[in-house]
Amino acid sequence: AARTPLLAGADTLCFVDIDSMLRRVYGKQKQGIGFGHAKVGGYNV
């Protein structure tokens, strides 16, 4: 941000956005995986 105009105008107004997303994995042995809600093709899965 100091080297480039990455956040030009932040001295006036800056937005903080937060959101989550489900990243599907196929390995059943991966640590910390769980079944989460997602919408695929308009359907809740």
PDB file of all heavy atoms in Angstrom:
ATOM      1  N   ALA A   1       0.824  -1.212   0.000  1.00  0.00           N
ATOM      2  CA  ALA A   1       0.000   0.000   0.000  1.00  0.00           C
ATOM      3  C   ALA A   1       0.855   1.258   0.000  1.00  0.00           C
ATOM      4  O   ALA A   1       0.468   2.288  -0.568  1.00  0.00           O
ATOM      5  CB  ALA A   1      -0.931  -0.006   1.206  1.00  0.00           C
ATOM      6  N   ALA A   2       2.042   1.179   0.625  1.00  0.00           N
ATOM      7  CA  ALA A   2       2.948   2.328   0.628  1.00  0.00           C
ATOM      8  C   ALA A   2       3.682   2.471  -0.697  1.00  0.00           C
ATOM      9  O   ALA A   2       4.031   3.586  -1.099  1.00  0.00           O
ATOM     10  CB  ALA A   2       3.951   2.192   1.780  1.00  0.00           C
ATOM     11  N   ARG A   3       3.904   1.340  -1.381  1.00  0.00           N
ATOM     12  CA  ARG A   3       4.687   1.343  -2.624  1.00  0.00           C
ATOM     13  C   ARG A   3       3.827   1.607  -3.859  1.00  0.00           C
ATOM     14  O   ARG A   3       4.300   2.159  -4.849  1.00  0.00           O
ATOM     15  CB  ARG A   3       5.390  -0.017  -2.747  1.00  0.00           C
ATOM     16  CG  ARG A   3       6.150  -0.263  -4.048  1.00  0.00           C
ATOM     17  CD  ARG A   3       7.361   0.627  -4.157  1.00  0.00           C
ATOM     18  NE  ARG A   3       8.057   0.408  -5.404  1.00  0.00           N
ATOM     19  CZ  ARG A   3       7.702   0.926  -6.571  1.00  0.00           C
ATOM     20  NH1 ARG A   3       6.637   1.699  -6.648  1.00  0.00           N
ATOM     21  NH2 ARG A   3       8.420   0.691  -7.660  1.00  0.00           N
ATOM     22  N   THR A   4       2.541   1.222  -3.822  1.00  0.00           N
ATOM     23  CA  THR A   4       1.654   1.348  -4.983  1.00  0.00           C
ATOM     24  C   THR A   4       0.324   1.976  -4.550  1.00  0.00           C
ATOM     25  O   THR A   4      -0.014   1.961  -3.364  1.00  0.00           O
ATOM     26  CB  THR A   4       1.377  -0.036  -5.603  1.00  0.00           C
ATOM     27  OG1 THR A   4       0.625  -0.829  -4.665  1.00  0.00           O
ATOM     28  CG2 THR A   4       2.679  -0.758  -5.939  1.00  0.00           C
ATOM     29  N   PRO A   5      -0.466   2.492  -5.488  1.00  0.00           N
ATOM     30  CA  PRO A   5      -1.796   3.044  -5.146  1.00  0.00           C
ATOM     31  C   PRO A   5      -2.836   1.951  -4.946  1.00  0.00           C
ATOM     32  O   PRO A   5      -3.921   1.987  -5.526  1.00  0.00           O
ATOM     33  CB  PRO A   5      -2.112   3.938  -6.356  1.00  0.00           C
ATOM     34  CG  PRO A   5      -1.401   3.293  -7.497  1.00  0.00           C
ATOM     35  CD  PRO A   5      -0.129   2.721  -6.920  1.00  0.00           C
ATOM     36  N   LEU A   6      -2.497   0.974  -4.128  1.00  0.00           N
ATOM     37  CA  LEU A   6      -3.350  -0.191  -3.933  1.00  0.00           C
ATOM     38  C   LEU A   6      -4.669   0.173  -3.255  1.00  0.00           C
ATOM     39  O   LEU A   6      -5.697  -0.455  -3.514  1.00  0.00           O
ATOM     40  CB  LEU A   6      -2.596  -1.231  -3.103  1.00  0.00           C
ATOM     41  CG  LEU A   6      -3.037  -2.684  -3.167  1.00  0.00           C
ATOM     42  CD1 LEU A   6      -2.922  -3.218  -4.581  1.00  0.00           C
ATOM     43  CD2 LEU A   6      -2.200  -3.528  -2.219  1.00  0.00           C
ATOM     44  N   LEU A   7      -4.619   1.180  -2.380  1.00  0.00           N
ATOM     45  CA  LEU A   7      -5.823   1.625  -1.663  1.00  0.00           C
ATOM     46  C   LEU A   7      -5.966   3.139  -1.804  1.00  0.00           C
ATOM     47  O   LEU A   7      -6.116   3.864  -0.808  1.00  0.00           O
ATOM     48  CB  LEU A   7      -5.747   1.211  -0.195  1.00  0.00           C
ATOM     49  CG  LEU A   7      -5.878  -0.287   0.091  1.00  0.00           C
ATOM     50  CD1 LEU A   7      -5.567  -0.599   1.539  1.00  0.00           C
ATOM     51  CD2 LEU A   7      -7.276  -0.785  -0.275  1.00  0.00           C
ATOM     52  N   ALA A   8      -5.916   3.609  -3.031  1.00  0.00           N
ATOM     53  CA  ALA A   8      -6.062   5.043  -3.282  1.00  0.00           C
ATOM     54  C   ALA A   8      -7.425   5.526  -2.783  1.00  0.00           C
ATOM     55  O   ALA A   8      -8.447   4.907  -3.053  1.00  0.00           O
ATOM     56  CB  ALA A   8      -5.914   5.326  -4.776  1.00  0.00           C
ATOM     57  N   GLY A   9      -7.415   6.619  -2.066  1.00  0.00           N
ATOM     58  CA  GLY A   9      -8.655   7.160  -1.523  1.00  0.00           C
ATOM     59  C   GLY A   9      -9.009   6.643  -0.149  1.00  0.00           C
ATOM     60  O   GLY A   9     -10.054   7.007   0.405  1.00  0.00           O
ATOM     61  N   ALA A  10      -8.141   5.804   0.444  1.00  0.00           N
ATOM     62  CA  ALA A  10      -8.426   5.264   1.769  1.00  0.00           C
ATOM     63  C   ALA A  10      -8.392   6.336   2.848  1.00  0.00           C
ATOM     64  O   ALA A  10      -8.934   6.125   3.935  1.00  0.00           O
ATOM     65  CB  ALA A  10      -7.440   4.148   2.108  1.00  0.00           C
ATOM     66  N   ASP A  11      -7.760   7.456   2.552  1.00  0.00           N
ATOM     67  CA  ASP A  11      -7.748   8.545   3.535  1.00  0.00           C
ATOM     68  C   ASP A  11      -9.111   9.226   3.625  1.00  0.00           C
ATOM     69  O   ASP A  11      -9.331  10.048   4.533  1.00  0.00           O
ATOM     70  CB  ASP A  11      -6.671   9.566   3.175  1.00  0.00           C
ATOM     71  CG  ASP A  11      -6.818  10.097   1.751  1.00  0.00           C
ATOM     72  OD1 ASP A  11      -7.519   9.451   0.953  1.00  0.00           O
ATOM     73  OD2 ASP A  11      -6.236  11.148   1.451  1.00  0.00           O
ATOM     74  N   THR A  12     -10.016   8.897   2.716  1.00  0.00           N
ATOM     75  CA  THR A  12     -11.376   9.449   2.751  1.00  0.00           C
ATOM     76  C   THR A  12     -12.399   8.386   3.127  1.00  0.00           C
ATOM     77  O   THR A  12     -13.203   8.581   4.037  1.00  0.00           O
ATOM     78  CB  THR A  12     -11.745  10.050   1.382  1.00  0.00           C
ATOM     79  OG1 THR A  12     -10.801  11.062   1.042  1.00  0.00           O
ATOM     80  CG2 THR A  12     -13.146  10.641   1.421  1.00  0.00           C
ATOM     81  N   LEU A  13     -12.380   7.248   2.427  1.00  0.00           N
ATOM     82  CA  LEU A  13     -13.356   6.192   2.671  1.00  0.00           C
ATOM     83  C   LEU A  13     -12.750   4.839   2.339  1.00  0.00           C
ATOM     84  O   LEU A  13     -12.120   4.675   1.294  1.00  0.00           O
ATOM     85  CB  LEU A  13     -14.614   6.419   1.819  1.00  0.00           C
ATOM     86  CG  LEU A  13     -15.718   5.355   1.895  1.00  0.00           C
ATOM     87  CD1 LEU A  13     -16.253   5.233   3.319  1.00  0.00           C
ATOM     88  CD2 LEU A  13     -16.843   5.680   0.917  1.00  0.00           C
ATOM     89  N   CYS A  14     -12.919   3.887   3.229  1.00  0.00           N
ATOM     90  CA  CYS A  14     -12.403   2.530   3.020  1.00  0.00           C
ATOM     91  C   CYS A  14     -13.472   1.530   3.455  1.00  0.00           C
ATOM     92  O   CYS A  14     -14.148   1.723   4.472  1.00  0.00           O
ATOM     93  CB  CYS A  14     -11.117   2.314   3.822  1.00  0.00           C
ATOM     94  SG  CYS A  14     -10.374   0.666   3.618  1.00  0.00           S
ATOM     95  N   PHE A  15     -13.624   0.470   2.672  1.00  0.00           N
ATOM     96  CA  PHE A  15     -14.605  -0.566   2.973  1.00  0.00           C
ATOM     97  C   PHE A  15     -13.903  -1.828   3.450  1.00  0.00           C
ATOM     98  O   PHE A  15     -12.902  -2.260   2.858  1.00  0.00           O
ATOM     99  CB  PHE A  15     -15.449  -0.899   1.746  1.00  0.00           C
ATOM    100  CG  PHE A  15     -16.301   0.244   1.268  1.00  0.00           C
ATOM    101  CD1 PHE A  15     -16.020   0.878   0.062  1.00  0.00           C
ATOM    102  CD2 PHE A  15     -17.369   0.693   2.018  1.00  0.00           C
ATOM    103  CE1 PHE A  15     -16.795   1.925  -0.387  1.00  0.00           C
ATOM    104  CE2 PHE A  15     -18.155   1.749   1.582  1.00  0.00           C
ATOM    105  CZ  PHE A  15     -17.869   2.370   0.388  1.00  0.00           C
ATOM    106  N   VAL A  16     -14.425  -2.423   4.508  1.00  0.00           N
ATOM    107  CA  VAL A  16     -13.985  -3.729   4.988  1.00  0.00           C
ATOM    108  C   VAL A  16     -15.114  -4.707   4.696  1.00  0.00           C
ATOM    109  O   VAL A  16     -16.232  -4.538   5.204  1.00  0.00           O
ATOM    110  CB  VAL A  16     -13.676  -3.716   6.494  1.00  0.00           C
ATOM    111  CG1 VAL A  16     -13.390  -5.132   6.990  1.00  0.00           C
ATOM    112  CG2 VAL A  16     -12.490  -2.806   6.790  1.00  0.00           C
ATOM    113  N   ASP A  17     -14.856  -5.697   3.864  1.00  0.00           N
ATOM    114  CA  ASP A  17     -15.858  -6.710   3.522  1.00  0.00           C
ATOM    115  C   ASP A  17     -15.410  -8.053   4.067  1.00  0.00           C
ATOM    116  O   ASP A  17     -14.221  -8.400   3.985  1.00  0.00           O
ATOM    117  CB  ASP A  17     -16.035  -6.807   2.009  1.00  0.00           C
ATOM    118  CG  ASP A  17     -16.648  -5.549   1.416  1.00  0.00           C
ATOM    119  OD1 ASP A  17     -17.812  -5.264   1.726  1.00  0.00           O
ATOM    120  OD2 ASP A  17     -15.953  -4.847   0.664  1.00  0.00           O
ATOM    121  N   ILE A  18     -16.344  -8.808   4.597  1.00  0.00           N
ATOM    122  CA  ILE A  18     -16.025 -10.128   5.143  1.00  0.00           C
ATOM    123  C   ILE A  18     -17.047 -11.129   4.635  1.00  0.00           C
ATOM    124  O   ILE A  18     -18.244 -10.824   4.526  1.00  0.00           O
ATOM    125  CB  ILE A  18     -15.995 -10.091   6.692  1.00  0.00           C
ATOM    126  CG1 ILE A  18     -15.510 -11.437   7.242  1.00  0.00           C
ATOM    127  CG2 ILE A  18     -17.342  -9.693   7.278  1.00  0.00           C
ATOM    128  CD1 ILE A  18     -15.182 -11.392   8.720  1.00  0.00           C
ATOM    129  N   ASP A  19     -16.568 -12.323   4.295  1.00  0.00           N
ATOM    130  CA  ASP A  19     -17.463 -13.358   3.781  1.00  0.00           C
ATOM    131  C   ASP A  19     -16.764 -14.708   3.908  1.00  0.00           C
ATOM    132  O   ASP A  19     -15.533 -14.785   4.004  1.00  0.00           O
ATOM    133  CB  ASP A  19     -17.824 -13.082   2.320  1.00  0.00           C
ATOM    134  CG  ASP A  19     -19.037 -13.890   1.861  1.00  0.00           C
ATOM    135  OD1 ASP A  19     -19.745 -14.421   2.738  1.00  0.00           O
ATOM    136  OD2 ASP A  19     -19.269 -13.994   0.646  1.00  0.00           O
ATOM    137  N   SER A  20     -17.551 -15.757   3.913  1.00  0.00           N
ATOM    138  CA  SER A  20     -17.020 -17.115   3.952  1.00  0.00           C
ATOM    139  C   SER A  20     -17.366 -17.828   2.656  1.00  0.00           C
ATOM    140  O   SER A  20     -18.265 -17.406   1.921  1.00  0.00           O
ATOM    141  CB  SER A  20     -17.611 -17.890   5.143  1.00  0.00           C
ATOM    142  OG  SER A  20     -19.018 -17.991   5.016  1.00  0.00           O
ATOM    143  N   MET A  21     -16.646 -18.893   2.383  1.00  0.00           N
ATOM    144  CA  MET A  21     -16.932 -19.695   1.192  1.00  0.00           C
ATOM    145  C   MET A  21     -16.589 -21.144   1.500  1.00  0.00           C
ATOM    146  O   MET A  21     -15.679 -21.424   2.292  1.00  0.00           O
ATOM    147  CB  MET A  21     -16.114 -19.202  -0.012  1.00  0.00           C
ATOM    148  CG  MET A  21     -14.619 -19.218   0.191  1.00  0.00           C
ATOM    149  SD  MET A  21     -13.725 -18.756  -1.309  1.00  0.00           S
ATOM    150  CE  MET A  21     -12.078 -18.453  -0.653  1.00  0.00           C
ATOM    151  N   LEU A  22     -17.324 -22.061   0.903  1.00  0.00           N
ATOM    152  CA  LEU A  22     -17.068 -23.476   1.111  1.00  0.00           C
ATOM    153  C   LEU A  22     -16.180 -23.995  -0.012  1.00  0.00           C
ATOM    154  O   LEU A  22     -16.524 -23.856  -1.185  1.00  0.00           O
ATOM    155  CB  LEU A  22     -18.382 -24.259   1.141  1.00  0.00           C
ATOM    156  CG  LEU A  22     -18.232 -25.760   1.423  1.00  0.00           C
ATOM    157  CD1 LEU A  22     -17.782 -25.978   2.851  1.00  0.00           C
ATOM    158  CD2 LEU A  22     -19.550 -26.492   1.169  1.00  0.00           C
ATOM    159  N   ARG A  23     -15.035 -24.569   0.343  1.00  0.00           N
ATOM    160  CA  ARG A  23     -14.149 -25.177  -0.645  1.00  0.00           C
ATOM    161  C   ARG A  23     -14.225 -26.686  -0.502  1.00  0.00           C
ATOM    162  O   ARG A  23     -13.812 -27.250   0.511  1.00  0.00           O
ATOM    163  CB  ARG A  23     -12.692 -24.699  -0.448  1.00  0.00           C
ATOM    164  CG  ARG A  23     -12.475 -23.254  -0.761  1.00  0.00           C
ATOM    165  CD  ARG A  23     -12.893 -22.863  -2.175  1.00  0.00           C
ATOM    166  NE  ARG A  23     -12.188 -23.624  -3.192  1.00  0.00           N
ATOM    167  CZ  ARG A  23     -12.791 -24.253  -4.184  1.00  0.00           C
ATOM    168  NH1 ARG A  23     -14.107 -24.243  -4.300  1.00  0.00           N
ATOM    169  NH2 ARG A  23     -12.090 -24.907  -5.074  1.00  0.00           N
ATOM    170  N   ARG A  24     -14.768 -27.297  -1.512  1.00  0.00           N
ATOM    171  CA  ARG A  24     -14.994 -28.744  -1.467  1.00  0.00           C
ATOM    172  C   ARG A  24     -13.682 -29.503  -1.594  1.00  0.00           C
ATOM    173  O   ARG A  24     -12.811 -29.128  -2.401  1.00  0.00           O
ATOM    174  CB  ARG A  24     -15.940 -29.154  -2.591  1.00  0.00           C
ATOM    175  CG  ARG A  24     -16.377 -30.599  -2.530  1.00  0.00           C
ATOM    176  CD  ARG A  24     -17.362 -30.912  -3.648  1.00  0.00           C
ATOM    177  NE  ARG A  24     -17.920 -32.239  -3.502  1.00  0.00           N
ATOM    178  CZ  ARG A  24     -18.811 -32.758  -4.333  1.00  0.00           C
ATOM    179  NH1 ARG A  24     -19.238 -32.050  -5.380  1.00  0.00           N
ATOM    180  NH2 ARG A  24     -19.288 -33.982  -4.137  1.00  0.00           N
ATOM    181  N   VAL A  25     -13.520 -30.576  -0.817  1.00  0.00           N
ATOM    182  CA  VAL A  25     -12.376 -31.480  -0.944  1.00  0.00           C
ATOM    183  C   VAL A  25     -12.923 -32.906  -1.035  1.00  0.00           C
ATOM    184  O   VAL A  25     -14.050 -33.181  -0.623  1.00  0.00           O
ATOM    185  CB  VAL A  25     -11.399 -31.353   0.251  1.00  0.00           C
ATOM    186  CG1 VAL A  25     -10.846 -29.941   0.346  1.00  0.00           C
ATOM    187  CG2 VAL A  25     -12.070 -31.727   1.568  1.00  0.00           C
ATOM    188  N   TYR A  26     -12.105 -33.785  -1.546  1.00  0.00           N
ATOM    189  CA  TYR A  26     -12.546 -35.161  -1.769  1.00  0.00           C
ATOM    190  C   TYR A  26     -11.810 -36.163  -0.893  1.00  0.00           C
ATOM    191  O   TYR A  26     -12.261 -37.287  -0.738  1.00  0.00           O
ATOM    192  CB  TYR A  26     -12.365 -35.530  -3.249  1.00  0.00           C
ATOM    193  CG  TYR A  26     -13.209 -34.679  -4.168  1.00  0.00           C
ATOM    194  CD1 TYR A  26     -12.704 -33.492  -4.703  1.00  0.00           C
ATOM    195  CD2 TYR A  26     -14.515 -35.033  -4.472  1.00  0.00           C
ATOM    196  CE1 TYR A  26     -13.486 -32.704  -5.534  1.00  0.00           C
ATOM    197  CE2 TYR A  26     -15.306 -34.253  -5.308  1.00  0.00           C
ATOM    198  CZ  TYR A  26     -14.779 -33.083  -5.831  1.00  0.00           C
ATOM    199  OH  TYR A  26     -15.561 -32.296  -6.644  1.00  0.00           O
ATOM    200  N   GLY A  27     -10.677 -35.765  -0.331  1.00  0.00           N
ATOM    201  CA  GLY A  27      -9.941 -36.666   0.540  1.00  0.00           C
ATOM    202  C   GLY A  27     -10.598 -36.788   1.906  1.00  0.00           C
ATOM    203  O   GLY A  27     -10.683 -35.816   2.652  1.00  0.00           O
ATOM    204  N   LYS A  28     -11.075 -37.976   2.252  1.00  0.00           N
ATOM    205  CA  LYS A  28     -11.790 -38.160   3.512  1.00  0.00           C
ATOM    206  C   LYS A  28     -10.857 -38.146   4.719  1.00  0.00           C
ATOM    207  O   LYS A  28     -11.317 -38.035   5.857  1.00  0.00           O
ATOM    208  CB  LYS A  28     -12.566 -39.485   3.475  1.00  0.00           C
ATOM    209  CG  LYS A  28     -13.636 -39.526   2.393  1.00  0.00           C
ATOM    210  CD  LYS A  28     -14.397 -40.839   2.425  1.00  0.00           C
ATOM    211  CE  LYS A  28     -15.463 -40.874   1.336  1.00  0.00           C
ATOM    212  NZ  LYS A  28     -16.215 -42.157   1.346  1.00  0.00           N
ATOM    213  N   GLN A  29      -9.554 -38.244   4.500  1.00  0.00           N
ATOM    214  CA  GLN A  29      -8.597 -38.277   5.609  1.00  0.00           C
ATOM    215  C   GLN A  29      -8.018 -36.902   5.926  1.00  0.00           C
ATOM    216  O   GLN A  29      -7.183 -36.778   6.812  1.00  0.00           O
ATOM    217  CB  GLN A  29      -7.460 -39.250   5.283  1.00  0.00           C
ATOM    218  CG  GLN A  29      -7.918 -40.675   4.998  1.00  0.00           C
ATOM    219  CD  GLN A  29      -8.683 -41.282   6.159  1.00  0.00           C
ATOM    220  OE1 GLN A  29      -8.302 -41.119   7.305  1.00  0.00           O
ATOM    221  NE2 GLN A  29      -9.766 -41.990   5.850  1.00  0.00           N
ATOM    222  N   LYS A  30      -8.429 -35.884   5.208  1.00  0.00           N
ATOM    223  CA  LYS A  30      -7.908 -34.546   5.475  1.00  0.00           C
ATOM    224  C   LYS A  30      -8.347 -34.070   6.859  1.00  0.00           C
ATOM    225  O   LYS A  30      -9.500 -34.263   7.258  1.00  0.00           O
ATOM    226  CB  LYS A  30      -8.395 -33.552   4.413  1.00  0.00           C
ATOM    227  CG  LYS A  30      -7.686 -33.654   3.082  1.00  0.00           C
ATOM    228  CD  LYS A  30      -8.269 -32.646   2.092  1.00  0.00           C
ATOM    229  CE  LYS A  30      -7.527 -32.684   0.765  1.00  0.00           C
ATOM    230  NZ  LYS A  30      -6.252 -31.981   0.836  1.00  0.00           N
ATOM    231  N   GLN A  31      -7.426 -33.418   7.561  1.00  0.00           N
ATOM    232  CA  GLN A  31      -7.750 -32.920   8.894  1.00  0.00           C
ATOM    233  C   GLN A  31      -8.730 -31.745   8.807  1.00  0.00           C
ATOM    234  O   GLN A  31      -8.596 -30.879   7.951  1.00  0.00           O
ATOM    235  CB  GLN A  31      -6.481 -32.450   9.608  1.00  0.00           C
ATOM    236  CG  GLN A  31      -5.527 -33.558   9.988  1.00  0.00           C
ATOM    237  CD  GLN A  31      -4.304 -33.017  10.695  1.00  0.00           C
ATOM    238  OE1 GLN A  31      -4.045 -31.823  10.707  1.00  0.00           O
ATOM    239  NE2 GLN A  31      -3.528 -33.925  11.300  1.00  0.00           N
ATOM    240  N   GLY A  32      -9.704 -31.732   9.719  1.00  0.00           N
ATOM    241  CA  GLY A  32     -10.566 -30.570   9.882  1.00  0.00           C
ATOM    242  C   GLY A  32     -11.679 -30.431   8.871  1.00  0.00           C
ATOM    243  O   GLY A  32     -12.362 -29.414   8.869  1.00  0.00           O
ATOM    244  N   ILE A  33     -11.900 -31.425   8.020  1.00  0.00           N
ATOM    245  CA  ILE A  33     -12.971 -31.275   7.038  1.00  0.00           C
ATOM    246  C   ILE A  33     -14.317 -31.534   7.708  1.00  0.00           C
ATOM    247  O   ILE A  33     -14.406 -32.172   8.754  1.00  0.00           O
ATOM    248  CB  ILE A  33     -12.786 -32.229   5.839  1.00  0.00           C
ATOM    249  CG1 ILE A  33     -12.766 -33.689   6.308  1.00  0.00           C
ATOM    250  CG2 ILE A  33     -11.538 -31.883   5.070  1.00  0.00           C
ATOM    251  CD1 ILE A  33     -12.753 -34.681   5.177  1.00  0.00           C
ATOM    252  N   GLY A  34     -15.378 -31.022   7.110  1.00  0.00           N
ATOM    253  CA  GLY A  34     -16.728 -31.227   7.618  1.00  0.00           C
ATOM    254  C   GLY A  34     -17.721 -30.902   6.525  1.00  0.00           C
ATOM    255  O   GLY A  34     -17.376 -30.296   5.503  1.00  0.00           O
ATOM    256  N   PHE A  35     -18.957 -31.299   6.722  1.00  0.00           N
ATOM    257  CA  PHE A  35     -19.997 -31.046   5.730  1.00  0.00           C
ATOM    258  C   PHE A  35     -20.590 -29.661   5.977  1.00  0.00           C
ATOM    259  O   PHE A  35     -21.082 -29.375   7.070  1.00  0.00           O
ATOM    260  CB  PHE A  35     -21.086 -32.115   5.803  1.00  0.00           C
ATOM    261  CG  PHE A  35     -20.698 -33.392   5.118  1.00  0.00           C
ATOM    262  CD1 PHE A  35     -20.103 -34.419   5.836  1.00  0.00           C
ATOM    263  CD2 PHE A  35     -20.899 -33.553   3.757  1.00  0.00           C
ATOM    264  CE1 PHE A  35     -19.731 -35.595   5.207  1.00  0.00           C
ATOM    265  CE2 PHE A  35     -20.525 -34.726   3.118  1.00  0.00           C
ATOM    266  CZ  PHE A  35     -19.941 -35.746   3.849  1.00  0.00           C
ATOM    267  N   GLY A  36     -20.527 -28.819   4.960  1.00  0.00           N
ATOM    268  CA  GLY A  36     -21.054 -27.472   5.047  1.00  0.00           C
ATOM    269  C   GLY A  36     -22.075 -27.209   3.964  1.00  0.00           C
ATOM    270  O   GLY A  36     -22.142 -27.914   2.948  1.00  0.00           O
ATOM    271  N   HIS A  37     -22.866 -26.168   4.181  1.00  0.00           N
ATOM    272  CA  HIS A  37     -23.934 -25.811   3.248  1.00  0.00           C
ATOM    273  C   HIS A  37     -23.384 -25.005   2.082  1.00  0.00           C
ATOM    274  O   HIS A  37     -22.541 -24.125   2.261  1.00  0.00           O
ATOM    275  CB  HIS A  37     -25.007 -25.000   3.985  1.00  0.00           C
ATOM    276  CG  HIS A  37     -26.043 -24.411   3.084  1.00  0.00           C
ATOM    277  ND1 HIS A  37     -25.943 -23.127   2.574  1.00  0.00           N
ATOM    278  CD2 HIS A  37     -27.185 -24.925   2.579  1.00  0.00           C
ATOM    279  CE1 HIS A  37     -26.991 -22.884   1.820  1.00  0.00           C
ATOM    280  NE2 HIS A  37     -27.761 -23.945   1.806  1.00  0.00           N
ATOM    281  N   ALA A  38     -23.854 -25.302   0.892  1.00  0.00           N
ATOM    282  CA  ALA A  38     -23.482 -24.548  -0.309  1.00  0.00           C
ATOM    283  C   ALA A  38     -24.648 -24.581  -1.280  1.00  0.00           C
ATOM    284  O   ALA A  38     -25.572 -25.394  -1.156  1.00  0.00           O
ATOM    285  CB  ALA A  38     -22.228 -25.128  -0.963  1.00  0.00           C
ATOM    286  N   LYS A  39     -24.601 -23.670  -2.247  1.00  0.00           N
ATOM    287  CA  LYS A  39     -25.637 -23.626  -3.285  1.00  0.00           C
ATOM    288  C   LYS A  39     -24.964 -23.912  -4.621  1.00  0.00           C
ATOM    289  O   LYS A  39     -24.073 -23.181  -5.052  1.00  0.00           O
ATOM    290  CB  LYS A  39     -26.326 -22.271  -3.302  1.00  0.00           C
ATOM    291  CG  LYS A  39     -27.468 -22.174  -4.307  1.00  0.00           C
ATOM    292  CD  LYS A  39     -28.254 -20.881  -4.159  1.00  0.00           C
ATOM    293  CE  LYS A  39     -29.157 -20.924  -2.952  1.00  0.00           C
ATOM    294  NZ  LYS A  39     -30.089 -19.763  -2.916  1.00  0.00           N
ATOM    295  N   VAL A  40     -25.380 -24.972  -5.278  1.00  0.00           N
ATOM    296  CA  VAL A  40     -24.819 -25.392  -6.554  1.00  0.00           C
ATOM    297  C   VAL A  40     -25.945 -25.481  -7.568  1.00  0.00           C
ATOM    298  O   VAL A  40     -26.896 -26.257  -7.389  1.00  0.00           O
ATOM    299  CB  VAL A  40     -24.095 -26.752  -6.438  1.00  0.00           C
ATOM    300  CG1 VAL A  40     -23.556 -27.176  -7.804  1.00  0.00           C
ATOM    301  CG2 VAL A  40     -22.979 -26.680  -5.421  1.00  0.00           C
ATOM    302  N   GLY A  41     -25.856 -24.669  -8.624  1.00  0.00           N
ATOM    303  CA  GLY A  41     -26.886 -24.684  -9.651  1.00  0.00           C
ATOM    304  C   GLY A  41     -28.251 -24.287  -9.137  1.00  0.00           C
ATOM    305  O   GLY A  41     -29.267 -24.753  -9.661  1.00  0.00           O
ATOM    306  N   GLY A  42     -28.280 -23.432  -8.096  1.00  0.00           N
ATOM    307  CA  GLY A  42     -29.547 -23.006  -7.528  1.00  0.00           C
ATOM    308  C   GLY A  42     -30.125 -23.942  -6.487  1.00  0.00           C
ATOM    309  O   GLY A  42     -31.191 -23.661  -5.923  1.00  0.00           O
ATOM    310  N   TYR A  43     -29.428 -25.059  -6.195  1.00  0.00           N
ATOM    311  CA  TYR A  43     -29.912 -26.026  -5.219  1.00  0.00           C
ATOM    312  C   TYR A  43     -29.062 -25.959  -3.951  1.00  0.00           C
ATOM    313  O   TYR A  43     -27.840 -25.772  -4.009  1.00  0.00           O
ATOM    314  CB  TYR A  43     -29.857 -27.450  -5.790  1.00  0.00           C
ATOM    315  CG  TYR A  43     -30.756 -27.668  -6.982  1.00  0.00           C
ATOM    316  CD1 TYR A  43     -30.269 -27.541  -8.280  1.00  0.00           C
ATOM    317  CD2 TYR A  43     -32.094 -28.002  -6.804  1.00  0.00           C
ATOM    318  CE1 TYR A  43     -31.095 -27.744  -9.380  1.00  0.00           C
ATOM    319  CE2 TYR A  43     -32.929 -28.201  -7.902  1.00  0.00           C
ATOM    320  CZ  TYR A  43     -32.423 -28.070  -9.172  1.00  0.00           C
ATOM    321  OH  TYR A  43     -33.242 -28.266 -10.255  1.00  0.00           O
ATOM    322  N   ASN A  44     -29.695 -26.125  -2.803  1.00  0.00           N
ATOM    323  CA  ASN A  44     -28.992 -26.179  -1.535  1.00  0.00           C
ATOM    324  C   ASN A  44     -28.463 -27.592  -1.316  1.00  0.00           C
ATOM    325  O   ASN A  44     -29.244 -28.556  -1.311  1.00  0.00           O
ATOM    326  CB  ASN A  44     -29.920 -25.786  -0.382  1.00  0.00           C
ATOM    327  CG  ASN A  44     -30.333 -24.323  -0.455  1.00  0.00           C
ATOM    328  OD1 ASN A  44     -29.530 -23.479  -0.833  1.00  0.00           O
ATOM    329  ND2 ASN A  44     -31.579 -24.029  -0.101  1.00  0.00           N
ATOM    330  N   VAL A  45     -27.156 -27.705  -1.140  1.00  0.00           N
ATOM    331  CA  VAL A  45     -26.531 -29.015  -0.964  1.00  0.00           C
ATOM    332  C   VAL A  45     -25.540 -28.944   0.201  1.00  0.00           C
ATOM    333  O   VAL A  45     -25.151 -27.867   0.644  1.00  0.00           O
ATOM    334  CB  VAL A  45     -25.793 -29.460  -2.252  1.00  0.00           C
ATOM    335  CG1 VAL A  45     -26.758 -29.646  -3.393  1.00  0.00           C
ATOM    336  CG2 VAL A  45     -24.713 -28.447  -2.632  1.00  0.00           C
TER     337      VAL A  45
END
